[in-house]
Every structure is written in structure tokens, then in C-alpha cells.
Amino acid sequence: MGERRQEGEETGTEGRDLDELRMGLALDEARRAADEGEVPIGAVVVCDGEVVARAHNRRETDRDPSAHAEFIALREAAQALDRWRLTGCTVYVTLEPCLMCAGLMVNARIDRCVYGASDPKAGALGTLYDVSADPRLNHAFAVTAGVRADEAAELLRAFFRSRRS
């Protein structure tokens, strides 16, 4: 599991257990997406220890190119918290965010992103780009990669396998 930690971030077994538990909520959202015929990606936003938003991909349903799980969850978190600056928040997402979603995380000023499977075709938190730590941008955030990655990847594989058959 790849990690870049920031001061004040939970560490040790308790932190890993919390990450795995919260990623489980994101995986539940990903399963909902698959049930709706959407690419199975789910996201959860946690702020000060509380889940404030959860979402799954809705691009097909909404006919909206921005309807990625983490994009929707971040918008819902901003509404729930009544602020656009999402400092104090961690985003849990089953697949490494794309450039659009990683950019939104920078603009929302999140503290941290935890993701499951890496995305070799669009990953913007370390795979193709690393928007989270680009010194040219006005905000950086911690990233923890690979949390429940096998489960997240298997959901995606099964979804696309079923689409091909």
C-alpha cells in the first residue's frame, strides 16, 4: 500500500482499520453503481470523524460527464457542511481519482484522499500525474493508496466482464 502522510493524520493499526471500514462504505456505493448499470466506483467524504456524504458514479444515469462518484460526494459534502472549503475532510474512493476529480480535491482544500485500486489510464494521484503534491498548485493533500484495492479492482473487472458477455 503506497502512502504519503501529512502531520496530524491517523497512523498505526487503528488508522488502517478506520480506512478499511470507511472504504467498505465506498465499496457499498460502488456496488450500487453496478446495480444501476454504472461503472462501479463509490466515494465517501468523512469530516471530523463523521460521514458527511456518499455517492457513486452516475454519468450514464444523469448524462453528465462530471457525475463521477467523488465529484458528486464532494459537492454533497460542501452542501452538508455549508462551505466550499473542505478542510478537515478525507475522501475515500474505490478507484484512483482522475485529473478532474483530483483537481476538485485541490480546489476544495481536502486534507486527504484514500483510494482503493490504482488507475493506469487516468490516475491523477500518483499513477499518471500527482496533482496532490504538485508544488505549482496552491494546495497539497495526503494520499493513501491501495486500501482494499483487490476488492475495488474485482468489482471493476466483474462489471466489464459482464458487459462484454
C-alpha atoms as a PDB file:
ATOM      1  CA  MET A   1       0.000   0.000   0.000  1.00  0.00           C
ATOM      2  CA  GLY A   2       1.538   3.320  -1.081  1.00  0.00           C
ATOM      3  CA  GLU A   3       1.320   6.175   1.371  1.00  0.00           C
ATOM      4  CA  ARG A   4       2.254   9.782   1.781  1.00  0.00           C
ATOM      5  CA  ARG A   5       1.340  11.024   5.223  1.00  0.00           C
ATOM      6  CA  GLN A   6       0.681  14.525   6.487  1.00  0.00           C
ATOM      7  CA  GLU A   7       1.050  15.808  10.033  1.00  0.00           C
ATOM      8  CA  GLY A   8      -1.980  15.103  12.190  1.00  0.00           C
ATOM      9  CA  GLU A   9      -3.073  12.124  10.130  1.00  0.00           C
ATOM     10  CA  GLU A  10      -4.166   8.915  11.819  1.00  0.00           C
ATOM     11  CA  THR A  11      -1.465   6.279  11.779  1.00  0.00           C
ATOM     12  CA  GLY A  12      -0.953   2.746  13.005  1.00  0.00           C
ATOM     13  CA  THR A  13      -3.374  -0.145  13.176  1.00  0.00           C
ATOM     14  CA  GLU A  14      -6.338   1.952  14.327  1.00  0.00           C
ATOM     15  CA  GLY A  15      -5.935   4.342  11.386  1.00  0.00           C
ATOM     16  CA  ARG A  16      -5.653   1.462   8.900  1.00  0.00           C
ATOM     17  CA  ASP A  17      -8.732  -0.204  10.399  1.00  0.00           C
ATOM     18  CA  LEU A  18     -10.719   3.028  10.063  1.00  0.00           C
ATOM     19  CA  ASP A  19      -9.545   3.436   6.483  1.00  0.00           C
ATOM     20  CA  GLU A  20     -10.641  -0.105   5.649  1.00  0.00           C
ATOM     21  CA  LEU A  21     -14.023   0.381   7.346  1.00  0.00           C
ATOM     22  CA  ARG A  22     -14.702   3.643   5.522  1.00  0.00           C
ATOM     23  CA  MET A  23     -13.510   2.164   2.231  1.00  0.00           C
ATOM     24  CA  GLY A  24     -16.143  -0.513   2.833  1.00  0.00           C
ATOM     25  CA  LEU A  25     -18.780   2.229   2.664  1.00  0.00           C
ATOM     26  CA  ALA A  26     -17.309   3.414  -0.642  1.00  0.00           C
ATOM     27  CA  LEU A  27     -17.364  -0.186  -1.917  1.00  0.00           C
ATOM     28  CA  ASP A  28     -21.066  -0.375  -0.980  1.00  0.00           C
ATOM     29  CA  GLU A  29     -21.632   2.717  -3.128  1.00  0.00           C
ATOM     30  CA  ALA A  30     -19.672   1.114  -5.977  1.00  0.00           C
ATOM     31  CA  ARG A  31     -21.957  -1.927  -5.811  1.00  0.00           C
ATOM     32  CA  ARG A  32     -24.970   0.405  -6.049  1.00  0.00           C
ATOM     33  CA  ALA A  33     -23.453   1.916  -9.171  1.00  0.00           C
ATOM     34  CA  ALA A  34     -23.033  -1.522 -10.752  1.00  0.00           C
ATOM     35  CA  ASP A  35     -26.640  -2.401  -9.887  1.00  0.00           C
ATOM     36  CA  GLU A  36     -27.703   0.734 -11.800  1.00  0.00           C
ATOM     37  CA  GLY A  37     -25.551  -0.133 -14.817  1.00  0.00           C
ATOM     38  CA  GLU A  38     -22.914   2.451 -13.935  1.00  0.00           C
ATOM     39  CA  VAL A  39     -19.165   1.832 -13.712  1.00  0.00           C
ATOM     40  CA  PRO A  40     -18.761   0.624 -10.106  1.00  0.00           C
ATOM     41  CA  ILE A  41     -16.957   3.454  -8.375  1.00  0.00           C
ATOM     42  CA  GLY A  42     -18.040   4.748  -4.982  1.00  0.00           C
ATOM     43  CA  ALA A  43     -16.936   7.570  -2.736  1.00  0.00           C
ATOM     44  CA  VAL A  44     -17.444   8.717   0.841  1.00  0.00           C
ATOM     45  CA  VAL A  45     -16.439  12.017   2.446  1.00  0.00           C
ATOM     46  CA  VAL A  46     -15.586  11.993   6.139  1.00  0.00           C
ATOM     47  CA  CYS A  47     -15.164  15.219   8.080  1.00  0.00           C
ATOM     48  CA  ASP A  48     -14.063  15.318  11.704  1.00  0.00           C
ATOM     49  CA  GLY A  49     -14.752  11.594  12.002  1.00  0.00           C
ATOM     50  CA  GLU A  50     -18.309  11.732  10.599  1.00  0.00           C
ATOM     51  CA  VAL A  51     -19.550  10.582   7.187  1.00  0.00           C
ATOM     52  CA  VAL A  52     -20.988  13.726   5.596  1.00  0.00           C
ATOM     53  CA  ALA A  53     -21.552  12.476   2.040  1.00  0.00           C
ATOM     54  CA  ARG A  54     -21.559   9.315  -0.028  1.00  0.00           C
ATOM     55  CA  ALA A  55     -22.102   8.801  -3.738  1.00  0.00           C
ATOM     56  CA  HIS A  56     -21.488   6.553  -6.710  1.00  0.00           C
ATOM     57  CA  ASN A  57     -20.934   7.085 -10.414  1.00  0.00           C
ATOM     58  CA  ARG A  58     -23.976   8.478 -12.229  1.00  0.00           C
ATOM     59  CA  ARG A  59     -22.582   9.523 -15.624  1.00  0.00           C
ATOM     60  CA  GLU A  60     -24.939   7.333 -17.637  1.00  0.00           C
ATOM     61  CA  THR A  61     -27.987   7.994 -15.457  1.00  0.00           C
ATOM     62  CA  ASP A  62     -27.503  11.767 -15.345  1.00  0.00           C
ATOM     63  CA  ARG A  63     -25.949  12.032 -18.820  1.00  0.00           C
ATOM     64  CA  ASP A  64     -23.318  14.180 -17.143  1.00  0.00           C
ATOM     65  CA  PRO A  65     -19.565  13.839 -17.764  1.00  0.00           C
ATOM     66  CA  SER A  66     -18.829  15.306 -14.324  1.00  0.00           C
ATOM     67  CA  ALA A  67     -21.012  12.789 -12.433  1.00  0.00           C
ATOM     68  CA  HIS A  68     -18.060  10.854 -11.010  1.00  0.00           C
ATOM     69  CA  ALA A  69     -18.553   9.378  -7.541  1.00  0.00           C
ATOM     70  CA  GLU A  70     -16.027  11.617  -5.785  1.00  0.00           C
ATOM     71  CA  PHE A  71     -17.197  14.748  -7.636  1.00  0.00           C
ATOM     72  CA  ILE A  72     -20.799  14.169  -6.504  1.00  0.00           C
ATOM     73  CA  ALA A  73     -19.695  13.302  -2.961  1.00  0.00           C
ATOM     74  CA  LEU A  74     -17.576  16.463  -2.685  1.00  0.00           C
ATOM     75  CA  ARG A  75     -20.474  18.645  -3.864  1.00  0.00           C
ATOM     76  CA  GLU A  76     -22.797  16.939  -1.365  1.00  0.00           C
ATOM     77  CA  ALA A  77     -20.240  17.394   1.429  1.00  0.00           C
ATOM     78  CA  ALA A  78     -19.969  21.110   0.642  1.00  0.00           C
ATOM     79  CA  GLN A  79     -23.756  21.396   0.841  1.00  0.00           C
ATOM     80  CA  ALA A  80     -23.964  19.387   4.076  1.00  0.00           C
ATOM     81  CA  LEU A  81     -21.202  21.442   5.707  1.00  0.00           C
ATOM     82  CA  ASP A  82     -22.395  24.711   4.140  1.00  0.00           C
ATOM     83  CA  ARG A  83     -18.906  25.634   2.938  1.00  0.00           C
ATOM     84  CA  TRP A  84     -16.798  25.061  -0.133  1.00  0.00           C
ATOM     85  CA  ARG A  85     -13.508  24.701   1.748  1.00  0.00           C
ATOM     86  CA  LEU A  86     -13.493  21.091   2.851  1.00  0.00           C
ATOM     87  CA  THR A  87     -10.546  21.312   5.217  1.00  0.00           C
ATOM     88  CA  GLY A  88     -10.739  18.591   7.828  1.00  0.00           C
ATOM     89  CA  CYS A  89     -12.213  16.172   5.263  1.00  0.00           C
ATOM     90  CA  THR A  90     -10.954  12.888   3.869  1.00  0.00           C
ATOM     91  CA  VAL A  91     -12.306  11.461   0.615  1.00  0.00           C
ATOM     92  CA  TYR A  92     -12.481   7.673   0.303  1.00  0.00           C
ATOM     93  CA  VAL A  93     -12.861   6.457  -3.273  1.00  0.00           C
ATOM     94  CA  THR A  94     -12.643   2.969  -4.732  1.00  0.00           C
ATOM     95  CA  LEU A  95     -10.608   3.977  -7.809  1.00  0.00           C
ATOM     96  CA  GLU A  96      -7.746   6.462  -8.023  1.00  0.00           C
ATOM     97  CA  PRO A  97      -9.244   9.837  -8.970  1.00  0.00           C
ATOM     98  CA  CYS A  98      -8.930  11.216 -12.479  1.00  0.00           C
ATOM     99  CA  LEU A  99      -7.484  14.624 -13.278  1.00  0.00           C
ATOM    100  CA  MET A 100     -10.882  16.355 -12.976  1.00  0.00           C
ATOM    101  CA  CYS A 101     -11.649  14.879  -9.560  1.00  0.00           C
ATOM    102  CA  ALA A 102      -8.118  15.344  -8.232  1.00  0.00           C
ATOM    103  CA  GLY A 103      -8.304  18.976  -9.344  1.00  0.00           C
ATOM    104  CA  LEU A 104     -11.583  19.383  -7.491  1.00  0.00           C
ATOM    105  CA  MET A 105      -9.924  17.958  -4.369  1.00  0.00           C
ATOM    106  CA  VAL A 106      -7.189  20.596  -4.642  1.00  0.00           C
ATOM    107  CA  ASN A 107      -9.774  23.351  -5.089  1.00  0.00           C
ATOM    108  CA  ALA A 108     -11.897  22.047  -2.194  1.00  0.00           C
ATOM    109  CA  ARG A 109      -8.807  22.013   0.063  1.00  0.00           C
ATOM    110  CA  ILE A 110      -9.360  18.477   1.362  1.00  0.00           C
ATOM    111  CA  ASP A 111      -6.877  17.101   3.895  1.00  0.00           C
ATOM    112  CA  ARG A 112      -6.547  13.612   2.477  1.00  0.00           C
ATOM    113  CA  CYS A 113      -7.664  11.112  -0.150  1.00  0.00           C
ATOM    114  CA  VAL A 114      -7.705   7.362   0.411  1.00  0.00           C
ATOM    115  CA  TYR A 115      -8.248   5.236  -2.663  1.00  0.00           C
ATOM    116  CA  GLY A 116      -8.515   1.555  -3.482  1.00  0.00           C
ATOM    117  CA  ALA A 117      -7.369   0.491  -6.948  1.00  0.00           C
ATOM    118  CA  SER A 118      -4.844   2.462  -8.984  1.00  0.00           C
ATOM    119  CA  ASP A 119      -5.970   3.663 -12.405  1.00  0.00           C
ATOM    120  CA  PRO A 120      -3.285   3.113 -15.058  1.00  0.00           C
ATOM    121  CA  LYS A 121      -5.297   5.007 -17.695  1.00  0.00           C
ATOM    122  CA  ALA A 122      -6.416   8.107 -15.787  1.00  0.00           C
ATOM    123  CA  GLY A 123      -4.939   8.096 -12.256  1.00  0.00           C
ATOM    124  CA  ALA A 124      -4.019  11.604 -11.123  1.00  0.00           C
ATOM    125  CA  LEU A 125      -2.830  10.900  -7.565  1.00  0.00           C
ATOM    126  CA  GLY A 126       0.431   9.215  -8.433  1.00  0.00           C
ATOM    127  CA  THR A 127      -0.061   6.922 -11.407  1.00  0.00           C
ATOM    128  CA  LEU A 128      -0.090   9.264 -14.432  1.00  0.00           C
ATOM    129  CA  TYR A 129       0.060  12.588 -12.579  1.00  0.00           C
ATOM    130  CA  ASP A 130       0.332  13.615  -8.962  1.00  0.00           C
ATOM    131  CA  VAL A 131      -1.971  16.561  -8.528  1.00  0.00           C
ATOM    132  CA  SER A 132      -1.989  16.086  -4.744  1.00  0.00           C
ATOM    133  CA  ALA A 133       1.638  17.185  -4.374  1.00  0.00           C
ATOM    134  CA  ASP A 134       2.300  19.449  -7.353  1.00  0.00           C
ATOM    135  CA  PRO A 135       4.277  22.417  -5.975  1.00  0.00           C
ATOM    136  CA  ARG A 136       2.835  24.675  -8.695  1.00  0.00           C
ATOM    137  CA  LEU A 137      -0.650  24.384  -7.176  1.00  0.00           C
ATOM    138  CA  ASN A 138      -1.947  26.294  -4.160  1.00  0.00           C
ATOM    139  CA  HIS A 139      -2.855  23.240  -2.074  1.00  0.00           C
ATOM    140  CA  ALA A 140      -1.424  19.803  -1.357  1.00  0.00           C
ATOM    141  CA  PHE A 141      -3.038  16.873   0.433  1.00  0.00           C
ATOM    142  CA  ALA A 142      -2.042  13.480   1.782  1.00  0.00           C
ATOM    143  CA  VAL A 143      -2.795  10.326  -0.195  1.00  0.00           C
ATOM    144  CA  THR A 144      -3.112   6.737   0.967  1.00  0.00           C
ATOM    145  CA  ALA A 145      -3.296   4.291  -1.928  1.00  0.00           C
ATOM    146  CA  GLY A 146      -4.267   0.633  -2.138  1.00  0.00           C
ATOM    147  CA  VAL A 147      -6.835   0.328   0.670  1.00  0.00           C
ATOM    148  CA  ARG A 148      -8.966  -2.720  -0.194  1.00  0.00           C
ATOM    149  CA  ALA A 149      -7.574  -2.435  -3.704  1.00  0.00           C
ATOM    150  CA  ASP A 150      -8.247  -6.074  -4.629  1.00  0.00           C
ATOM    151  CA  GLU A 151     -11.958  -5.740  -3.849  1.00  0.00           C
ATOM    152  CA  ALA A 152     -12.252  -2.478  -5.759  1.00  0.00           C
ATOM    153  CA  ALA A 153     -10.411  -3.891  -8.778  1.00  0.00           C
ATOM    154  CA  GLU A 154     -12.507  -7.061  -8.772  1.00  0.00           C
ATOM    155  CA  LEU A 155     -15.737  -5.032  -8.815  1.00  0.00           C
ATOM    156  CA  LEU A 156     -14.481  -3.225 -11.906  1.00  0.00           C
ATOM    157  CA  ARG A 157     -13.276  -6.418 -13.614  1.00  0.00           C
ATOM    158  CA  ALA A 158     -16.575  -8.210 -12.961  1.00  0.00           C
ATOM    159  CA  PHE A 159     -18.581  -5.251 -14.248  1.00  0.00           C
ATOM    160  CA  PHE A 160     -16.662  -5.021 -17.528  1.00  0.00           C
ATOM    161  CA  ARG A 161     -16.589  -8.804 -17.929  1.00  0.00           C
ATOM    162  CA  SER A 162     -20.401  -8.859 -17.654  1.00  0.00           C
ATOM    163  CA  ARG A 163     -20.654  -6.018 -20.192  1.00  0.00           C
ATOM    164  CA  ARG A 164     -18.571  -7.950 -22.727  1.00  0.00           C
ATOM    165  CA  SER A 165     -20.628 -11.157 -22.445  1.00  0.00           C
END
